[in-house]
Protein backbone atom coordinates (compact mmCIF):
# COMPACT_ATOMS: atom_id res chain seq x y z
CA UNK A 1 -24.73 1.16 36.44
CA UNK A 2 -25.58 3.38 39.57
CA UNK A 3 -22.07 3.80 41.19
CA UNK A 4 -21.43 7.46 41.80
CA UNK A 5 -24.84 8.47 40.75
CA UNK A 6 -27.29 7.58 43.58
CA UNK A 7 -24.64 6.67 46.10
CA UNK A 8 -20.99 5.47 46.62
CA UNK A 9 -20.00 2.40 44.87
CA UNK A 10 -17.52 0.82 42.44
CA UNK A 11 -17.38 1.20 38.58
CA UNK A 12 -16.05 -1.63 36.44
CA UNK A 13 -15.02 -0.42 32.92
CA UNK A 14 -15.09 -3.28 30.53
CA UNK A 15 -12.57 -1.74 28.23
CA UNK A 16 -8.87 -0.85 28.23
CA UNK A 17 -7.29 2.46 29.06
CA UNK A 18 -6.13 2.84 25.43
CA UNK A 19 -9.86 2.11 24.23
CA UNK A 20 -11.04 4.80 26.58
CA UNK A 21 -8.48 7.28 25.33
CA UNK A 22 -8.45 6.62 21.60
CA UNK A 23 -11.80 4.91 20.64
CA UNK A 24 -14.58 5.88 22.78
CA UNK A 25 -16.57 9.08 22.22
CA UNK A 26 -16.99 11.77 25.01
CA UNK A 27 -20.81 11.08 25.05
CA UNK A 28 -23.01 8.51 23.27
CA UNK A 29 -25.04 9.57 20.30
CA UNK A 30 -28.59 10.56 21.37
CA UNK A 31 -30.96 7.82 20.70
CA UNK A 32 -32.97 9.88 18.37
CA UNK A 33 -30.03 10.26 16.07
CA UNK A 34 -29.52 6.52 15.60
CA UNK A 35 -32.97 4.98 15.73
CA UNK A 36 -35.78 4.45 13.14
CA UNK A 37 -37.92 7.71 13.63
CA UNK A 38 -41.19 6.20 12.08
CA UNK A 39 -43.08 6.50 15.38
CA UNK A 40 -41.70 10.04 16.00
CA UNK A 41 -42.76 11.16 12.62
CA UNK A 42 -46.13 9.55 12.76
CA UNK A 43 -46.68 11.18 16.24
CA UNK A 44 -45.53 14.67 15.14
CA UNK A 45 -47.67 14.61 12.11
CA UNK A 46 -50.69 13.60 14.22
CA UNK A 47 -49.85 16.74 16.46
CA UNK A 48 -50.08 18.92 13.37
CA UNK A 49 -46.29 19.33 12.79
CA UNK A 50 -46.15 19.83 9.05
CA UNK A 51 -42.50 20.71 8.30
CA UNK A 52 -40.45 18.05 10.38
CA UNK A 53 -37.10 19.20 8.65
CA UNK A 54 -37.38 22.52 10.53
CA UNK A 55 -38.98 21.20 13.87
CA UNK A 56 -36.92 22.29 16.80
CA UNK A 57 -35.54 18.91 18.06
CA UNK A 58 -33.49 18.97 21.42
CA UNK A 59 -30.99 16.57 19.45
CA UNK A 60 -31.87 17.07 15.76
CA UNK A 61 -31.57 13.76 13.85
CA UNK A 62 -30.01 13.71 10.45
CA UNK A 63 -32.31 15.11 7.86
CA UNK A 64 -31.89 11.84 5.84
CA UNK A 65 -33.31 9.68 8.68
CA UNK A 66 -36.40 11.86 8.81
CA UNK A 67 -36.87 11.62 4.96
CA UNK A 68 -36.34 7.91 5.22
CA UNK A 69 -38.88 7.65 7.91
CA UNK A 70 -41.51 9.62 5.87
CA UNK A 71 -40.75 7.41 2.75
CA UNK A 72 -41.42 4.37 4.93
CA UNK A 73 -44.72 5.94 6.16
CA UNK A 74 -45.81 6.85 2.54
CA UNK A 75 -45.10 3.22 1.43
CA UNK A 76 -47.27 2.06 4.23
CA UNK A 77 -50.17 4.46 3.18
CA UNK A 78 -49.80 6.44 6.64
CA UNK A 79 -48.73 9.57 4.61
CA UNK A 80 -50.02 10.98 1.38
CA UNK A 81 -48.04 12.55 -1.59
CA UNK A 82 -47.96 15.85 0.04
CA UNK A 83 -46.65 14.41 3.51
CA UNK A 84 -50.02 14.69 5.28
CA UNK A 85 -51.37 12.12 7.51
CA UNK A 86 -53.91 9.81 6.06
CA UNK A 87 -56.90 8.21 7.51
CA UNK A 88 -54.93 5.00 7.79
CA UNK A 89 -52.02 7.02 9.34
CA UNK A 90 -54.51 8.34 12.00
CA UNK A 91 -55.64 4.97 12.95
CA UNK A 92 -52.07 3.77 13.08
CA UNK A 93 -50.90 6.43 15.64
CA UNK A 94 -53.28 4.90 18.10
CA UNK A 95 -51.07 1.91 18.48
CA UNK A 96 -47.84 2.19 20.27
CA UNK A 97 -46.14 -0.16 17.79
CA UNK A 98 -43.75 0.19 14.94
CA UNK A 99 -45.61 1.54 12.08
CA UNK A 100 -45.28 -1.73 9.96
CA UNK A 101 -46.79 -3.69 12.83
CA UNK A 102 -49.57 -1.27 13.42
CA UNK A 103 -50.46 -1.28 9.66
CA UNK A 104 -50.16 -5.16 9.64
CA UNK A 105 -52.89 -5.22 12.54
CA UNK A 106 -55.20 -2.86 10.98
CA UNK A 107 -54.89 -4.46 7.44
CA UNK A 108 -55.57 -7.93 9.14
CA UNK A 109 -58.69 -6.50 10.78
CA UNK A 110 -60.09 -4.56 7.83
CA UNK A 111 -58.98 -6.67 4.88
CA UNK A 112 -57.95 -10.17 6.14
CA UNK A 113 -60.46 -10.97 8.62
CA UNK A 114 -57.83 -12.61 10.85
CA UNK A 115 -56.77 -9.93 13.37
CA UNK A 116 -57.24 -12.25 16.28
CA UNK A 117 -54.24 -14.21 14.91
CA UNK A 118 -52.19 -11.42 13.77
CA UNK A 119 -52.74 -9.50 16.99
CA UNK A 120 -50.83 -12.51 18.61
CA UNK A 121 -48.11 -12.37 16.19
CA UNK A 122 -47.56 -8.69 16.52
CA UNK A 123 -47.47 -9.19 20.28
CA UNK A 124 -44.86 -11.84 19.90
CA UNK A 125 -42.73 -9.60 17.51
CA UNK A 126 -42.89 -6.91 20.11
CA UNK A 127 -40.79 -8.74 22.64
CA UNK A 128 -37.35 -10.39 22.47
CA UNK A 129 -37.34 -13.90 21.19
CA UNK A 130 -38.97 -16.13 23.63
CA UNK A 131 -36.68 -19.25 22.70
CA UNK A 132 -33.58 -19.86 24.47
CA UNK A 133 -30.66 -22.41 23.57
CA UNK A 134 -28.37 -23.34 26.29
CA UNK A 135 -25.05 -24.32 24.61
CA UNK A 136 -24.82 -27.58 26.92
CA UNK A 137 -28.23 -28.58 25.43
CA UNK A 138 -28.36 -27.31 21.94
CA UNK A 139 -29.74 -30.48 20.33
CA UNK A 140 -32.43 -30.87 22.86
CA UNK A 141 -33.52 -27.33 22.63
CA UNK A 142 -33.59 -27.53 18.81
CA UNK A 143 -35.67 -30.54 19.03
CA UNK A 144 -38.12 -28.92 21.28
CA UNK A 145 -38.31 -25.94 18.97
CA UNK A 146 -39.18 -28.30 16.00
CA UNK A 147 -42.51 -29.28 17.89
CA UNK A 148 -43.71 -25.62 17.23
CA UNK A 149 -42.19 -25.14 13.84
CA UNK A 150 -44.55 -24.28 10.91
CA UNK A 151 -42.70 -24.73 7.54
CA UNK A 152 -44.85 -21.89 5.73
CA UNK A 153 -43.93 -19.05 8.14
CA UNK A 154 -41.73 -18.07 11.10
CA UNK A 155 -44.74 -15.79 12.05
CA UNK A 156 -47.00 -18.86 12.05
CA UNK A 157 -44.51 -20.64 14.34
CA UNK A 158 -44.64 -17.62 16.79
CA UNK A 159 -48.57 -18.02 16.67
CA UNK A 160 -48.45 -21.74 17.46
CA UNK A 161 -45.94 -21.01 20.46
CA UNK A 162 -48.26 -18.68 21.94
CA UNK A 163 -51.24 -20.74 21.50
CA UNK A 164 -49.61 -23.70 22.97
CA UNK A 165 -48.31 -21.86 25.81
CA UNK A 166 -51.93 -20.36 26.38
CA UNK A 167 -53.25 -24.00 26.61
CA UNK A 168 -50.90 -24.65 29.51
CA UNK A 169 -51.63 -21.14 31.13
CA UNK A 170 -48.16 -19.86 30.42
CA UNK A 171 -46.77 -22.24 33.10
CA UNK A 172 -43.24 -21.74 34.02
CA UNK A 173 -42.31 -25.36 34.21
CA UNK A 174 -44.06 -26.11 30.77
CA UNK A 175 -41.96 -23.16 29.45
CA UNK A 176 -38.75 -24.49 30.93
CA UNK A 177 -39.28 -27.99 29.47
CA UNK A 178 -39.82 -26.52 25.89
CA UNK A 179 -36.87 -23.97 26.29
CA UNK A 180 -39.18 -20.88 26.21
CA UNK A 181 -38.53 -17.78 28.20
CA UNK A 182 -41.42 -17.78 30.71
CA UNK A 183 -40.87 -14.11 31.37
CA UNK A 184 -40.85 -13.42 27.70
CA UNK A 185 -44.08 -15.06 26.77
CA UNK A 186 -45.70 -13.64 29.73
CA UNK A 187 -44.68 -10.13 28.58
CA UNK A 188 -46.10 -11.11 25.13
CA UNK A 189 -49.23 -11.90 26.93
CA UNK A 190 -49.16 -8.47 28.49
CA UNK A 191 -48.52 -6.72 25.15
CA UNK A 192 -51.60 -8.73 23.67
CA UNK A 193 -53.88 -7.51 26.42
CA UNK A 194 -52.92 -3.94 26.02
CA UNK A 195 -53.23 -4.02 22.23
CA UNK A 196 -56.59 -5.90 22.75
CA UNK A 197 -57.83 -3.04 24.79
CA UNK A 198 -56.75 -0.48 22.40
CA UNK A 199 -58.51 -2.30 19.56
CA UNK A 200 -61.81 -2.29 21.36
CA UNK A 201 -61.45 1.19 22.34
CA UNK A 202 -61.16 2.10 18.69
CA UNK A 203 -64.18 -0.22 17.98
CA UNK A 204 -62.18 -2.95 16.27
CA UNK A 205 -63.42 -6.36 17.59
CA UNK A 206 -60.92 -8.84 16.60
CA UNK A 207 -62.02 -11.36 13.95
CA UNK A 208 -60.58 -14.89 13.64
CA UNK A 209 -59.90 -16.84 10.57
CA UNK A 210 -60.45 -20.03 12.56
CA UNK A 211 -56.75 -20.92 12.73
């Protein structure tokens, strides 16, 4: 990816000459125009930007995307009927998470009394899947995953995986035996530590339901 940018090198293009001429765009679509804008909208609202449709974006996203994100935030209770930030929205913006996850974490703390467990689930959902499944060992990896499986919920399965890995101090050998990406689950541990710090900065001491 650096050939020709930071020094001499070779660039291998994994497409045909015809695809290059007929199918590829001259430049990729800016990320802000092709991703969910929930976090962007929430941040701009917290900065006092009232009319997002007239905001001077460097690469303006489709107005439909902005409206869809505002609707999602309204459903989550982050925006009121006039499009202004609510008290919940102001709390949500303090967490560098997708809005549904930040709302989940706050709701678990304020209403569910299980923010300790939900904090782990949110951390696991914030990283790519920690499971891996080699083609030549598919049955073995499936059997290993079943040891963590909780029938009631995939989220509870993620909670179970994290808690078991924590018991073994996120040991790389233990992870390999159970077909878990050691780097992935350690990344979840880092996310968990960061979110825990943010919660305590906001005077939210995690509460456990005892699970």
